[in-house]
């Protein structure tokens, strides 16, 4: 499967999941090769992570060592993402669900992209100075 098709299909499935549509599972690859391809979600979701950090800096001000802070965020992003995948791989095997792990992790990877995009959208009202009630409702 080509990269563009992988990203398109993965994001389509994630958007269906976000709307509570169970047919999204039909768009998630269930084999190990598909699970490996789904890790393209990491670079696809990276701009949202950077945007979240920048939004925080707009509200709170630039920290003294901004380069160090963004480096820590990026390392946390990568280690957290891959750490969860590794941990869930071993837990699935221990629970006897190892055969279903590739489809689970593929769905989880793509859903993270949508989750991070929703976090960015939910943070926009605060960035624009919305009242706390509206800001909190948007974040929910």
Protein backbone atom coordinates (compact mmCIF):
# COMPACT_ATOMS: atom_id res chain seq x y z
CA UNK A 1 0.00 0.00 0.00
CA UNK A 2 1.35 3.42 -0.90
CA UNK A 3 2.02 6.00 1.79
CA UNK A 4 -0.76 8.36 0.67
CA UNK A 5 -3.28 5.51 0.68
CA UNK A 6 -2.09 4.35 4.10
CA UNK A 7 -2.47 7.83 5.60
CA UNK A 8 -5.80 8.47 3.89
CA UNK A 9 -7.31 5.15 4.95
CA UNK A 10 -5.98 5.45 8.49
CA UNK A 11 -7.32 8.96 8.97
CA UNK A 12 -10.65 7.96 7.45
CA UNK A 13 -10.93 5.11 9.97
CA UNK A 14 -9.96 7.43 12.84
CA UNK A 15 -12.58 9.98 11.83
CA UNK A 16 -15.22 7.24 11.74
CA UNK A 17 -14.11 6.06 15.19
CA UNK A 18 -14.34 9.65 16.46
CA UNK A 19 -17.96 9.75 15.32
CA UNK A 20 -18.69 6.42 17.04
CA UNK A 21 -18.99 4.45 13.81
CA UNK A 22 -17.97 0.80 14.24
CA UNK A 23 -17.47 0.24 10.51
CA UNK A 24 -14.20 2.10 10.96
CA UNK A 25 -12.68 -1.24 11.92
CA UNK A 26 -13.09 -2.35 8.29
CA UNK A 27 -10.60 0.34 7.25
CA UNK A 28 -7.95 -0.62 9.80
CA UNK A 29 -5.41 -3.13 8.60
CA UNK A 30 -5.28 -6.25 10.77
CA UNK A 31 -1.84 -7.63 9.86
CA UNK A 32 1.61 -6.81 11.19
CA UNK A 33 2.61 -5.00 7.99
CA UNK A 34 -0.42 -2.73 8.38
CA UNK A 35 0.47 -2.10 12.01
CA UNK A 36 3.98 -1.08 10.97
CA UNK A 37 2.60 1.27 8.30
CA UNK A 38 0.26 2.83 10.85
CA UNK A 39 3.27 4.31 12.64
CA UNK A 40 3.25 6.94 9.89
CA UNK A 41 0.65 8.48 12.18
CA UNK A 42 3.51 9.75 14.36
CA UNK A 43 4.91 12.24 11.82
CA UNK A 44 1.39 13.03 10.58
CA UNK A 45 0.35 13.99 14.12
CA UNK A 46 3.54 15.86 14.98
CA UNK A 47 2.39 19.28 13.70
CA UNK A 48 -0.53 19.18 16.13
CA UNK A 49 1.86 18.50 19.02
CA UNK A 50 4.08 21.42 17.99
CA UNK A 51 0.98 23.59 17.60
CA UNK A 52 -0.17 22.69 21.12
CA UNK A 53 3.21 23.71 22.52
CA UNK A 54 3.16 26.99 20.58
CA UNK A 55 -0.37 27.71 21.79
CA UNK A 56 0.81 27.23 25.37
CA UNK A 57 3.69 29.62 24.78
CA UNK A 58 1.37 32.24 23.31
CA UNK A 59 -0.73 32.09 26.49
CA UNK A 60 2.02 31.67 29.09
CA UNK A 61 4.98 33.32 27.41
CA UNK A 62 8.13 31.86 25.93
CA UNK A 63 10.23 29.88 28.42
CA UNK A 64 13.89 30.83 28.87
CA UNK A 65 15.10 27.68 27.10
CA UNK A 66 12.45 27.16 24.42
CA UNK A 67 14.66 24.85 22.34
CA UNK A 68 15.21 22.59 25.32
CA UNK A 69 11.50 22.56 26.14
CA UNK A 70 10.45 21.62 22.61
CA UNK A 71 13.13 18.92 22.52
CA UNK A 72 11.74 17.42 25.72
CA UNK A 73 8.23 17.52 24.27
CA UNK A 74 9.36 15.76 21.10
CA UNK A 75 11.24 13.09 23.03
CA UNK A 76 8.22 12.55 25.27
CA UNK A 77 6.01 12.30 22.20
CA UNK A 78 8.20 9.63 20.60
CA UNK A 79 8.98 7.64 23.76
CA UNK A 80 5.38 7.77 24.96
CA UNK A 81 4.01 6.63 21.63
CA UNK A 82 6.47 3.82 21.09
CA UNK A 83 6.46 2.86 24.76
CA UNK A 84 2.70 2.36 24.72
CA UNK A 85 2.95 0.26 21.56
CA UNK A 86 5.63 -1.95 23.10
CA UNK A 87 3.82 -2.31 26.42
CA UNK A 88 0.49 -3.09 24.74
CA UNK A 89 2.20 -5.68 22.51
CA UNK A 90 3.43 -7.59 25.54
CA UNK A 91 0.18 -7.18 27.48
CA UNK A 92 -1.87 -8.42 24.52
CA UNK A 93 0.34 -11.50 24.29
CA UNK A 94 0.00 -12.16 28.03
CA UNK A 95 -3.79 -11.85 27.79
CA UNK A 96 -3.97 -14.19 24.80
CA UNK A 97 -4.97 -11.41 22.41
CA UNK A 98 -1.66 -11.13 20.58
CA UNK A 99 -3.23 -11.95 17.22
CA UNK A 100 -5.52 -8.94 17.53
CA UNK A 101 -2.76 -6.51 18.56
CA UNK A 102 -1.79 -5.36 15.03
CA UNK A 103 -5.29 -4.10 14.30
CA UNK A 104 -5.58 -2.55 17.77
CA UNK A 105 -2.30 -0.65 17.50
CA UNK A 106 -3.08 0.50 13.95
CA UNK A 107 -6.42 1.91 15.10
CA UNK A 108 -4.80 3.46 18.18
CA UNK A 109 -2.06 5.10 16.10
CA UNK A 110 -4.47 6.80 13.71
CA UNK A 111 -6.89 7.78 16.47
CA UNK A 112 -4.03 9.64 18.17
CA UNK A 113 -3.78 11.96 15.17
CA UNK A 114 -7.45 12.87 15.43
CA UNK A 115 -7.20 13.23 19.21
CA UNK A 116 -4.31 15.70 18.91
CA UNK A 117 -6.16 17.68 16.26
CA UNK A 118 -9.18 17.90 18.55
CA UNK A 119 -6.94 19.14 21.36
CA UNK A 120 -5.71 21.93 19.09
CA UNK A 121 -9.25 22.88 18.06
CA UNK A 122 -10.39 22.76 21.69
CA UNK A 123 -7.58 25.12 22.70
CA UNK A 124 -8.43 27.82 20.17
CA UNK A 125 -11.11 29.61 22.26
CA UNK A 126 -8.63 30.17 25.12
CA UNK A 127 -6.08 31.44 22.63
CA UNK A 128 -8.62 33.97 21.40
CA UNK A 129 -9.47 35.11 24.94
CA UNK A 130 -12.83 33.39 25.31
CA UNK A 131 -14.47 33.39 28.74
CA UNK A 132 -13.44 30.43 30.92
CA UNK A 133 -16.85 28.72 30.61
CA UNK A 134 -16.70 28.72 26.82
CA UNK A 135 -13.06 27.67 26.84
CA UNK A 136 -13.72 24.73 29.15
CA UNK A 137 -16.74 23.64 27.12
CA UNK A 138 -14.66 23.69 23.94
CA UNK A 139 -11.94 21.59 25.58
CA UNK A 140 -14.50 18.97 26.61
